[in-house]
Amino acid sequence: GFSERKMQMKDYVVGIVGGMGSYATVDFFKRLIDAFPVEKEWDRPRIIIDNNCTMPSRVRALLYGEKREELETALTDSVSHMLDMGVSRIVFACNTSHCFIPAVYAKIPESKTVILHIIDALGKDLAAKGIKSVGLMATEGTIDSGIYTDTFAPYGIHVTAPTEAEYSQLREFIEAVKQNAIDKE
């Protein structure tokens, strides 16, 4: 019943690894709050956000290997701190950062049961809805990594990605969202 669900939510702690686009993290946080409709604010789960905006670029780490080890260490540290705080689930509020989750698993094996891989969760949801083909809008690092294609393949979902000629315009759109600089143009 409702009161049982309220008790479960009060004991549930969600950790958000953010800062890889602080405005994207804020947007994700709002969506997460909206996902828990409640009568009273205190009936929502506790949410801990690590808005570590000093992390190196995920795209540059993927494309050029630039500061990859530093990035993996920062992500691992965030996860480690959240586990120390007793989180029930951890979500990375950045698509590209999911490419580095295996490195986190290697350093913190117990995180496999706590990290919610949002790309895999999306694949499961799309497959359950019978969707067989999707279009992808993402950074070139995410596209070139193949994480969506590889994650969706076992679910029988085909991914159509932008061409390299479209990368620069797409990057502009993504940066506008990350900087909260969206306008009518």
N, C-alpha and C. Protein backbone atom coordinates (compact mmCIF):
# COMPACT_ATOMS: atom_id res chain seq x y z
N GLY A 1 0.81 -1.19 0.00
CA GLY A 1 0.00 0.00 0.00
C GLY A 1 0.86 1.26 0.00
N PHE A 2 0.17 2.40 0.04
CA PHE A 2 0.85 3.69 -0.04
C PHE A 2 1.77 3.92 1.15
N SER A 3 1.31 3.60 2.38
CA SER A 3 2.15 3.85 3.55
C SER A 3 3.39 2.96 3.54
N GLU A 4 3.29 1.73 3.02
CA GLU A 4 4.45 0.86 2.91
C GLU A 4 5.45 1.44 1.90
N ARG A 5 4.94 1.96 0.79
CA ARG A 5 5.80 2.58 -0.22
C ARG A 5 6.51 3.80 0.35
N LYS A 6 5.78 4.60 1.16
CA LYS A 6 6.39 5.78 1.79
C LYS A 6 7.54 5.36 2.69
N MET A 7 7.37 4.29 3.46
CA MET A 7 8.44 3.82 4.34
C MET A 7 9.64 3.37 3.52
N GLN A 8 9.39 2.67 2.43
CA GLN A 8 10.50 2.22 1.59
C GLN A 8 11.24 3.41 1.00
N MET A 9 10.53 4.43 0.54
CA MET A 9 11.18 5.59 -0.05
C MET A 9 11.99 6.36 0.99
N LYS A 10 11.50 6.44 2.21
CA LYS A 10 12.23 7.17 3.26
C LYS A 10 13.57 6.50 3.56
N ASP A 11 13.65 5.17 3.40
CA ASP A 11 14.88 4.44 3.66
C ASP A 11 15.78 4.35 2.44
N TYR A 12 15.30 4.80 1.31
CA TYR A 12 16.01 4.70 0.05
C TYR A 12 16.88 5.94 -0.13
N VAL A 13 18.13 5.76 -0.53
CA VAL A 13 19.03 6.89 -0.75
C VAL A 13 19.56 6.80 -2.18
N VAL A 14 19.32 7.83 -2.96
CA VAL A 14 19.77 7.88 -4.34
C VAL A 14 21.01 8.77 -4.42
N GLY A 15 22.04 8.29 -5.09
CA GLY A 15 23.24 9.08 -5.33
C GLY A 15 23.33 9.46 -6.79
N ILE A 16 23.62 10.72 -7.05
CA ILE A 16 23.78 11.20 -8.43
C ILE A 16 25.22 11.64 -8.62
N VAL A 17 25.91 10.99 -9.56
CA VAL A 17 27.24 11.44 -9.97
C VAL A 17 27.00 12.48 -11.05
N GLY A 18 27.23 13.74 -10.73
CA GLY A 18 26.92 14.82 -11.65
C GLY A 18 28.08 15.74 -11.87
N GLY A 19 27.77 16.94 -12.35
CA GLY A 19 28.78 17.95 -12.60
C GLY A 19 29.38 17.88 -13.98
N MET A 20 28.99 16.88 -14.75
CA MET A 20 29.52 16.74 -16.10
C MET A 20 28.52 17.41 -17.03
N GLY A 21 28.35 18.67 -16.71
CA GLY A 21 27.27 19.49 -17.21
C GLY A 21 26.38 19.77 -16.00
N SER A 22 26.72 20.81 -15.23
CA SER A 22 25.97 21.09 -14.01
C SER A 22 24.49 21.34 -14.27
N TYR A 23 24.16 22.03 -15.36
CA TYR A 23 22.75 22.26 -15.67
C TYR A 23 22.06 20.96 -16.07
N ALA A 24 22.80 20.07 -16.72
CA ALA A 24 22.25 18.75 -17.03
C ALA A 24 21.97 17.99 -15.74
N THR A 25 22.84 18.15 -14.75
CA THR A 25 22.64 17.50 -13.46
C THR A 25 21.40 18.07 -12.78
N VAL A 26 21.23 19.39 -12.83
CA VAL A 26 20.04 20.03 -12.25
C VAL A 26 18.78 19.51 -12.94
N ASP A 27 18.81 19.39 -14.26
CA ASP A 27 17.67 18.88 -15.01
C ASP A 27 17.38 17.43 -14.60
N PHE A 28 18.43 16.62 -14.47
CA PHE A 28 18.25 15.23 -14.06
C PHE A 28 17.65 15.17 -12.65
N PHE A 29 18.16 16.00 -11.75
CA PHE A 29 17.67 16.06 -10.37
C PHE A 29 16.17 16.39 -10.36
N LYS A 30 15.77 17.37 -11.14
CA LYS A 30 14.35 17.74 -11.20
C LYS A 30 13.51 16.57 -11.72
N ARG A 31 14.00 15.92 -12.74
CA ARG A 31 13.25 14.77 -13.29
C ARG A 31 13.15 13.64 -12.26
N LEU A 32 14.20 13.45 -11.48
CA LEU A 32 14.19 12.42 -10.45
C LEU A 32 13.16 12.76 -9.37
N ILE A 33 13.13 14.01 -8.95
CA ILE A 33 12.14 14.44 -7.97
C ILE A 33 10.73 14.23 -8.52
N ASP A 34 10.52 14.59 -9.78
CA ASP A 34 9.21 14.43 -10.40
C ASP A 34 8.80 12.95 -10.50
N ALA A 35 9.79 12.05 -10.52
CA ALA A 35 9.50 10.62 -10.61
C ALA A 35 8.97 10.05 -9.30
N PHE A 36 9.07 10.82 -8.22
CA PHE A 36 8.59 10.39 -6.90
C PHE A 36 7.47 11.32 -6.44
N PRO A 37 6.29 11.23 -7.06
CA PRO A 37 5.19 12.10 -6.59
C PRO A 37 4.78 11.69 -5.18
N VAL A 38 4.68 12.67 -4.29
CA VAL A 38 4.35 12.40 -2.90
C VAL A 38 3.40 13.47 -2.37
N GLU A 39 2.77 13.15 -1.25
CA GLU A 39 1.90 14.12 -0.59
C GLU A 39 2.73 15.16 0.16
N LYS A 40 3.82 14.73 0.79
CA LYS A 40 4.67 15.61 1.58
C LYS A 40 6.12 15.45 1.14
N GLU A 41 6.86 16.54 1.13
CA GLU A 41 8.26 16.53 0.69
C GLU A 41 9.09 15.47 1.40
N TRP A 42 8.86 15.28 2.70
CA TRP A 42 9.67 14.34 3.47
C TRP A 42 9.40 12.88 3.14
N ASP A 43 8.43 12.63 2.26
CA ASP A 43 8.15 11.26 1.83
C ASP A 43 9.03 10.83 0.65
N ARG A 44 9.80 11.76 0.11
CA ARG A 44 10.72 11.41 -0.99
C ARG A 44 11.97 10.76 -0.41
N PRO A 45 12.69 10.02 -1.27
CA PRO A 45 13.96 9.46 -0.80
C PRO A 45 15.00 10.56 -0.64
N ARG A 46 16.00 10.27 0.16
CA ARG A 46 17.14 11.17 0.27
C ARG A 46 17.90 11.09 -1.05
N ILE A 47 18.36 12.24 -1.53
CA ILE A 47 19.13 12.29 -2.78
C ILE A 47 20.43 13.04 -2.51
N ILE A 48 21.52 12.38 -2.81
CA ILE A 48 22.85 12.96 -2.63
C ILE A 48 23.44 13.22 -4.01
N ILE A 49 23.88 14.46 -4.24
CA ILE A 49 24.46 14.83 -5.53
C ILE A 49 25.92 15.19 -5.33
N ASP A 50 26.78 14.55 -6.12
CA ASP A 50 28.18 14.95 -6.16
C ASP A 50 28.36 15.69 -7.49
N ASN A 51 28.27 17.00 -7.43
CA ASN A 51 28.36 17.83 -8.63
C ASN A 51 29.83 18.20 -8.87
N ASN A 52 30.62 17.21 -9.25
CA ASN A 52 32.05 17.38 -9.43
C ASN A 52 32.33 17.89 -10.85
N CYS A 53 32.19 19.19 -11.02
CA CYS A 53 32.36 19.78 -12.36
C CYS A 53 33.84 19.97 -12.74
N THR A 54 34.75 19.52 -11.88
CA THR A 54 36.17 19.62 -12.21
C THR A 54 36.69 18.36 -12.90
N MET A 55 35.80 17.39 -13.13
CA MET A 55 36.23 16.17 -13.82
C MET A 55 36.67 16.49 -15.24
N PRO A 56 37.69 15.78 -15.73
CA PRO A 56 38.11 15.99 -17.12
C PRO A 56 37.00 15.61 -18.10
N SER A 57 37.14 16.09 -19.31
CA SER A 57 36.17 15.83 -20.37
C SER A 57 36.06 14.33 -20.67
N ARG A 58 34.86 13.82 -20.64
CA ARG A 58 34.61 12.43 -20.99
C ARG A 58 34.88 12.21 -22.47
N VAL A 59 34.46 13.14 -23.30
CA VAL A 59 34.65 13.00 -24.74
C VAL A 59 36.13 12.98 -25.10
N ARG A 60 36.90 13.88 -24.53
CA ARG A 60 38.35 13.93 -24.83
C ARG A 60 39.05 12.68 -24.30
N ALA A 61 38.59 12.17 -23.16
CA ALA A 61 39.17 10.94 -22.63
C ALA A 61 38.90 9.77 -23.57
N LEU A 62 37.71 9.73 -24.15
CA LEU A 62 37.36 8.65 -25.08
C LEU A 62 38.10 8.78 -26.41
N LEU A 63 38.07 10.00 -26.97
CA LEU A 63 38.62 10.19 -28.31
C LEU A 63 40.15 10.22 -28.34
N TYR A 64 40.77 10.79 -27.30
CA TYR A 64 42.21 11.01 -27.34
C TYR A 64 42.96 10.38 -26.16
N GLY A 65 42.23 9.75 -25.25
CA GLY A 65 42.86 9.19 -24.06
C GLY A 65 43.33 10.25 -23.08
N GLU A 66 42.90 11.50 -23.32
CA GLU A 66 43.34 12.64 -22.51
C GLU A 66 42.77 12.56 -21.10
N LYS A 67 43.65 12.53 -20.11
CA LYS A 67 43.27 12.53 -18.68
C LYS A 67 42.30 11.42 -18.33
N ARG A 68 42.37 10.32 -19.05
CA ARG A 68 41.45 9.20 -18.82
C ARG A 68 41.59 8.64 -17.40
N GLU A 69 42.83 8.42 -16.97
CA GLU A 69 43.04 7.86 -15.64
C GLU A 69 42.51 8.80 -14.55
N GLU A 70 42.75 10.11 -14.74
CA GLU A 70 42.25 11.11 -13.79
C GLU A 70 40.72 11.09 -13.73
N LEU A 71 40.08 10.96 -14.89
CA LEU A 71 38.63 10.90 -14.97
C LEU A 71 38.11 9.64 -14.27
N GLU A 72 38.72 8.50 -14.57
CA GLU A 72 38.28 7.25 -13.95
C GLU A 72 38.44 7.30 -12.43
N THR A 73 39.53 7.92 -11.97
CA THR A 73 39.74 8.07 -10.53
C THR A 73 38.67 8.96 -9.92
N ALA A 74 38.33 10.07 -10.59
CA ALA A 74 37.31 10.98 -10.07
C ALA A 74 35.95 10.29 -9.99
N LEU A 75 35.58 9.54 -11.02
CA LEU A 75 34.31 8.83 -11.01
C LEU A 75 34.30 7.77 -9.90
N THR A 76 35.41 7.05 -9.78
CA THR A 76 35.52 6.03 -8.74
C THR A 76 35.43 6.66 -7.35
N ASP A 77 36.08 7.80 -7.16
CA ASP A 77 36.01 8.49 -5.87
C ASP A 77 34.57 8.90 -5.53
N SER A 78 33.86 9.42 -6.53
CA SER A 78 32.46 9.81 -6.30
C SER A 78 31.63 8.61 -5.85
N VAL A 79 31.80 7.49 -6.56
CA VAL A 79 31.05 6.28 -6.24
C VAL A 79 31.44 5.79 -4.84
N SER A 80 32.72 5.80 -4.54
CA SER A 80 33.20 5.34 -3.24
C SER A 80 32.60 6.17 -2.10
N HIS A 81 32.60 7.48 -2.27
CA HIS A 81 32.04 8.37 -1.24
C HIS A 81 30.54 8.12 -1.06
N MET A 82 29.85 7.90 -2.17
CA MET A 82 28.41 7.64 -2.07
C MET A 82 28.14 6.32 -1.37
N LEU A 83 28.95 5.31 -1.67
CA LEU A 83 28.78 4.03 -0.98
C LEU A 83 29.02 4.20 0.51
N ASP A 84 30.01 5.02 0.86
CA ASP A 84 30.28 5.30 2.28
C ASP A 84 29.09 6.00 2.95
N MET A 85 28.31 6.74 2.15
CA MET A 85 27.15 7.46 2.69
C MET A 85 25.90 6.59 2.70
N GLY A 86 26.03 5.34 2.27
CA GLY A 86 24.90 4.41 2.36
C GLY A 86 23.86 4.51 1.27
N VAL A 87 24.26 4.93 0.07
CA VAL A 87 23.28 5.03 -1.01
C VAL A 87 22.73 3.66 -1.38
N SER A 88 21.48 3.66 -1.83
CA SER A 88 20.82 2.44 -2.30
C SER A 88 21.10 2.23 -3.78
N ARG A 89 21.13 3.33 -4.53
CA ARG A 89 21.38 3.30 -5.98
C ARG A 89 22.18 4.52 -6.36
N ILE A 90 23.04 4.35 -7.38
CA ILE A 90 23.83 5.46 -7.92
C ILE A 90 23.50 5.59 -9.40
N VAL A 91 23.30 6.83 -9.83
CA VAL A 91 23.02 7.13 -11.22
C VAL A 91 24.05 8.14 -11.71
N PHE A 92 24.60 7.91 -12.89
CA PHE A 92 25.50 8.87 -13.52
C PHE A 92 24.63 9.76 -14.40
N ALA A 93 24.67 11.08 -14.16
CA ALA A 93 23.82 12.02 -14.90
C ALA A 93 24.53 12.50 -16.16
N CYS A 94 25.23 11.61 -16.82
CA CYS A 94 25.95 11.94 -18.06
C CYS A 94 26.03 10.66 -18.88
N ASN A 95 25.52 10.72 -20.09
CA ASN A 95 25.55 9.54 -20.96
C ASN A 95 26.96 9.06 -21.23
N THR A 96 27.85 9.97 -21.59
CA THR A 96 29.20 9.59 -21.97
C THR A 96 29.95 8.94 -20.82
N SER A 97 29.66 9.36 -19.59
CA SER A 97 30.35 8.79 -18.44
C SER A 97 30.09 7.30 -18.29
N HIS A 98 29.02 6.80 -18.89
CA HIS A 98 28.72 5.37 -18.80
C HIS A 98 29.80 4.52 -19.48
N CYS A 99 30.55 5.11 -20.37
CA CYS A 99 31.65 4.38 -21.02
C CYS A 99 32.74 4.01 -20.02
N PHE A 100 32.78 4.70 -18.88
CA PHE A 100 33.82 4.49 -17.87
C PHE A 100 33.33 3.67 -16.68
N ILE A 101 32.09 3.24 -16.70
CA ILE A 101 31.57 2.43 -15.61
C ILE A 101 32.35 1.13 -15.44
N PRO A 102 32.77 0.44 -16.52
CA PRO A 102 33.58 -0.77 -16.30
C PRO A 102 34.85 -0.51 -15.48
N ALA A 103 35.46 0.65 -15.63
CA ALA A 103 36.65 0.99 -14.83
C ALA A 103 36.28 1.14 -13.36
N VAL A 104 35.10 1.70 -13.10
CA VAL A 104 34.63 1.84 -11.72
C VAL A 104 34.35 0.44 -11.14
N TYR A 105 33.70 -0.41 -11.92
CA TYR A 105 33.43 -1.78 -11.47
C TYR A 105 34.74 -2.51 -11.14
N ALA A 106 35.76 -2.30 -11.96
CA ALA A 106 37.05 -2.97 -11.72
C ALA A 106 37.67 -2.54 -10.40
N LYS A 107 37.50 -1.26 -10.05
CA LYS A 107 38.09 -0.75 -8.82
C LYS A 107 37.19 -0.98 -7.60
N ILE A 108 35.86 -1.01 -7.84
CA ILE A 108 34.90 -1.21 -6.74
C ILE A 108 33.88 -2.26 -7.21
N PRO A 109 34.21 -3.53 -7.15
CA PRO A 109 33.31 -4.57 -7.67
C PRO A 109 31.90 -4.53 -7.07
N GLU A 110 31.78 -4.16 -5.79
CA GLU A 110 30.45 -4.12 -5.17
C GLU A 110 29.55 -3.04 -5.77
N SER A 111 30.11 -2.11 -6.53
CA SER A 111 29.31 -1.05 -7.15
C SER A 111 28.41 -1.60 -8.26
N LYS A 112 28.70 -2.80 -8.76
CA LYS A 112 27.88 -3.39 -9.83
C LYS A 112 26.43 -3.56 -9.41
N THR A 113 26.20 -3.79 -8.13
CA THR A 113 24.83 -4.00 -7.66
C THR A 113 24.15 -2.69 -7.28
N VAL A 114 24.91 -1.59 -7.28
CA VAL A 114 24.37 -0.30 -6.84
C VAL A 114 24.19 0.68 -7.99
N ILE A 115 25.12 0.68 -8.96
CA ILE A 115 25.04 1.62 -10.07
C ILE A 115 23.91 1.20 -11.02
N LEU A 116 23.04 2.14 -11.30
CA LEU A 116 21.99 1.92 -12.28
C LEU A 116 22.51 2.43 -13.62
N HIS A 117 22.75 1.54 -14.54
CA HIS A 117 23.27 1.88 -15.87
C HIS A 117 22.08 2.37 -16.69
N ILE A 118 21.94 3.69 -16.84
CA ILE A 118 20.73 4.24 -17.46
C ILE A 118 20.59 3.85 -18.93
N ILE A 119 21.70 3.60 -19.63
CA ILE A 119 21.60 3.21 -21.04
C ILE A 119 21.04 1.80 -21.14
N ASP A 120 21.48 0.91 -20.26
CA ASP A 120 20.93 -0.45 -20.25
C ASP A 120 19.46 -0.42 -19.83
N ALA A 121 19.13 0.38 -18.82
CA ALA A 121 17.73 0.49 -18.38
C ALA A 121 16.85 1.00 -19.52
N LEU A 122 17.36 1.93 -20.30
CA LEU A 122 16.61 2.44 -21.46
C LEU A 122 16.42 1.34 -22.49
N GLY A 123 17.48 0.57 -22.75
CA GLY A 123 17.38 -0.54 -23.70
C GLY A 123 16.30 -1.53 -23.28
N LYS A 124 16.27 -1.89 -22.00
CA LYS A 124 15.25 -2.82 -21.48
C LYS A 124 13.85 -2.24 -21.67
N ASP A 125 13.71 -0.95 -21.36
CA ASP A 125 12.40 -0.30 -21.47
C ASP A 125 11.93 -0.23 -22.93
N LEU A 126 12.83 0.14 -23.83
CA LEU A 126 12.47 0.20 -25.25
C LEU A 126 12.08 -1.17 -25.78
N ALA A 127 12.85 -2.20 -25.40
CA ALA A 127 12.54 -3.56 -25.85
C ALA A 127 11.18 -4.01 -25.32
N ALA A 128 10.88 -3.67 -24.07
CA ALA A 128 9.59 -4.04 -23.48
C ALA A 128 8.43 -3.37 -24.21
N LYS A 129 8.71 -2.21 -24.80
CA LYS A 129 7.68 -1.49 -25.57
C LYS A 129 7.65 -1.91 -27.03
N GLY A 130 8.53 -2.85 -27.42
CA GLY A 130 8.55 -3.35 -28.78
C GLY A 130 9.25 -2.44 -29.77
N ILE A 131 10.01 -1.47 -29.29
CA ILE A 131 10.72 -0.55 -30.18
C ILE A 131 11.97 -1.24 -30.71
N LYS A 132 12.14 -1.21 -32.03
CA LYS A 132 13.24 -1.93 -32.68
C LYS A 132 14.30 -1.02 -33.29
N SER A 133 14.01 0.28 -33.35
CA SER A 133 14.95 1.20 -33.99
C SER A 133 14.84 2.57 -33.32
N VAL A 134 16.00 3.20 -33.06
CA VAL A 134 16.01 4.51 -32.43
C VAL A 134 17.04 5.41 -33.11
N GLY A 135 16.84 6.70 -32.98
CA GLY A 135 17.82 7.69 -33.42
C GLY A 135 18.57 8.20 -32.21
N LEU A 136 19.85 8.44 -32.36
CA LEU A 136 20.70 8.86 -31.24
C LEU A 136 21.19 10.28 -31.46
N MET A 137 21.02 11.12 -30.46
CA MET A 137 21.61 12.46 -30.44
C MET A 137 22.56 12.47 -29.25
N ALA A 138 23.86 12.59 -29.52
CA ALA A 138 24.86 12.51 -28.45
C ALA A 138 26.15 13.16 -28.91
N THR A 139 27.09 13.27 -27.97
CA THR A 139 28.41 13.80 -28.33
C THR A 139 29.13 12.79 -29.22
N GLU A 140 30.12 13.28 -29.93
CA GLU A 140 30.87 12.37 -30.81
C GLU A 140 31.57 11.27 -30.01
N GLY A 141 31.97 11.58 -28.78
CA GLY A 141 32.59 10.55 -27.95
C GLY A 141 31.63 9.42 -27.65
N THR A 142 30.40 9.77 -27.30
CA THR A 142 29.39 8.75 -27.02
C THR A 142 29.06 7.97 -28.29
N ILE A 143 28.91 8.66 -29.39
CA ILE A 143 28.60 8.00 -30.66
C ILE A 143 29.74 7.06 -31.06
N ASP A 144 30.96 7.59 -31.08
CA ASP A 144 32.12 6.80 -31.52
C ASP A 144 32.42 5.63 -30.58
N SER A 145 32.05 5.76 -29.31
CA SER A 145 32.31 4.67 -28.35
C SER A 145 31.46 3.45 -28.67
N GLY A 146 30.31 3.68 -29.31
CA GLY A 146 29.40 2.58 -29.63
C GLY A 146 28.62 2.07 -28.43
N ILE A 147 28.62 2.81 -27.32
CA ILE A 147 27.97 2.31 -26.11
C ILE A 147 26.47 2.08 -26.31
N TYR A 148 25.81 2.95 -27.06
CA TYR A 148 24.38 2.73 -27.30
C TYR A 148 24.17 1.53 -28.22
N THR A 149 24.92 1.47 -29.30
CA THR A 149 24.80 0.35 -30.24
C THR A 149 25.08 -0.97 -29.54
N ASP A 150 26.16 -1.03 -28.77
CA ASP A 150 26.55 -2.26 -28.07
C ASP A 150 25.56 -2.64 -26.98
N THR A 151 25.05 -1.65 -26.25
CA THR A 151 24.13 -1.92 -25.14
C THR A 151 22.75 -2.32 -25.67
N PHE A 152 22.32 -1.71 -26.78
CA PHE A 152 20.99 -1.99 -27.31
C PHE A 152 20.95 -3.26 -28.17
N ALA A 153 22.08 -3.70 -28.72
CA ALA A 153 22.11 -4.86 -29.62
C ALA A 153 21.48 -6.11 -29.00
N PRO A 154 21.80 -6.47 -27.75
CA PRO A 154 21.18 -7.67 -27.18
C PRO A 154 19.66 -7.57 -27.06
N TYR A 155 19.13 -6.36 -27.10
CA TYR A 155 17.69 -6.16 -27.03
C TYR A 155 17.05 -6.10 -28.43
N GLY A 156 17.87 -6.29 -29.46
CA GLY A 156 17.36 -6.27 -30.83
C GLY A 156 16.98 -4.88 -31.30
N ILE A 157 17.63 -3.85 -30.76
CA ILE A 157 17.32 -2.47 -31.12
C ILE A 157 18.45 -1.90 -31.97
N HIS A 158 18.09 -1.40 -33.15
CA HIS A 158 19.05 -0.77 -34.06
C HIS A 158 19.18 0.71 -33.72
N VAL A 159 20.41 1.21 -33.68
CA VAL A 159 20.68 2.61 -33.37
C VAL A 159 21.17 3.33 -34.63
N THR A 160 20.51 4.43 -34.98
CA THR A 160 20.95 5.28 -36.08
C THR A 160 21.56 6.53 -35.45
N ALA A 161 22.84 6.74 -35.73
CA ALA A 161 23.57 7.87 -35.14
C ALA A 161 23.83 8.94 -36.19
N PRO A 162 24.08 10.16 -35.74
CA PRO A 162 24.45 11.23 -36.66
C PRO A 162 25.76 10.90 -37.39
N THR A 163 25.94 11.53 -38.53
CA THR A 163 27.18 11.35 -39.28
C THR A 163 28.24 12.29 -38.72
N GLU A 164 29.50 12.03 -39.07
CA GLU A 164 30.58 12.90 -38.59
C GLU A 164 30.37 14.34 -39.05
N ALA A 165 29.76 14.54 -40.21
CA ALA A 165 29.50 15.89 -40.71
C ALA A 165 28.53 16.65 -39.80
N GLU A 166 27.73 15.94 -39.03
CA GLU A 166 26.75 16.57 -38.14
C GLU A 166 27.28 16.78 -36.72
N TYR A 167 28.46 16.26 -36.41
CA TYR A 167 29.01 16.32 -35.06
C TYR A 167 29.14 17.74 -34.52
N SER A 168 29.69 18.66 -35.32
CA SER A 168 29.95 20.00 -34.78
C SER A 168 28.65 20.72 -34.42
N GLN A 169 27.62 20.60 -35.26
CA GLN A 169 26.35 21.24 -34.95
C GLN A 169 25.71 20.59 -33.72
N LEU A 170 25.79 19.28 -33.65
CA LEU A 170 25.24 18.57 -32.50
C LEU A 170 25.98 18.96 -31.22
N ARG A 171 27.30 19.10 -31.30
CA ARG A 171 28.10 19.52 -30.16
C ARG A 171 27.64 20.89 -29.67
N GLU A 172 27.33 21.82 -30.60
CA GLU A 172 26.83 23.14 -30.23
C GLU A 172 25.53 23.03 -29.44
N PHE A 173 24.61 22.18 -29.90
CA PHE A 173 23.34 21.99 -29.21
C PHE A 173 23.56 21.42 -27.81
N ILE A 174 24.42 20.43 -27.70
CA ILE A 174 24.68 19.78 -26.41
C ILE A 174 25.32 20.78 -25.44
N GLU A 175 26.27 21.56 -25.92
CA GLU A 175 26.92 22.56 -25.06
C GLU A 175 25.91 23.62 -24.62
N ALA A 176 24.98 24.00 -25.50
CA ALA A 176 23.94 24.97 -25.13
C ALA A 176 23.10 24.44 -23.97
N VAL A 177 22.76 23.17 -24.02
CA VAL A 177 21.99 22.56 -22.93
C VAL A 177 22.83 22.53 -21.66
N LYS A 178 24.09 22.11 -21.78
CA LYS A 178 24.95 22.01 -20.60
C LYS A 178 25.22 23.36 -19.95
N GLN A 179 25.18 24.43 -20.74
CA GLN A 179 25.44 25.78 -20.23
C GLN A 179 24.16 26.55 -19.93
N ASN A 180 22.99 25.89 -20.11
CA ASN A 180 21.71 26.53 -19.91
C ASN A 180 21.57 27.77 -20.80
N ALA A 181 22.04 27.64 -22.03
CA ALA A 181 22.04 28.77 -22.98
C ALA A 181 21.11 28.49 -24.16
N ILE A 182 19.99 27.86 -23.89
CA ILE A 182 19.05 27.53 -24.95
C ILE A 182 18.21 28.77 -25.27
N ASP A 183 18.10 29.08 -26.55
CA ASP A 183 17.23 30.18 -26.95
C ASP A 183 16.40 29.70 -28.15
N LYS A 184 15.54 30.57 -28.66
CA LYS A 184 14.66 30.15 -29.76
C LYS A 184 15.43 29.78 -31.01
N GLU A 185 16.55 30.45 -31.25
CA GLU A 185 17.37 30.15 -32.43
C GLU A 185 17.96 28.74 -32.31
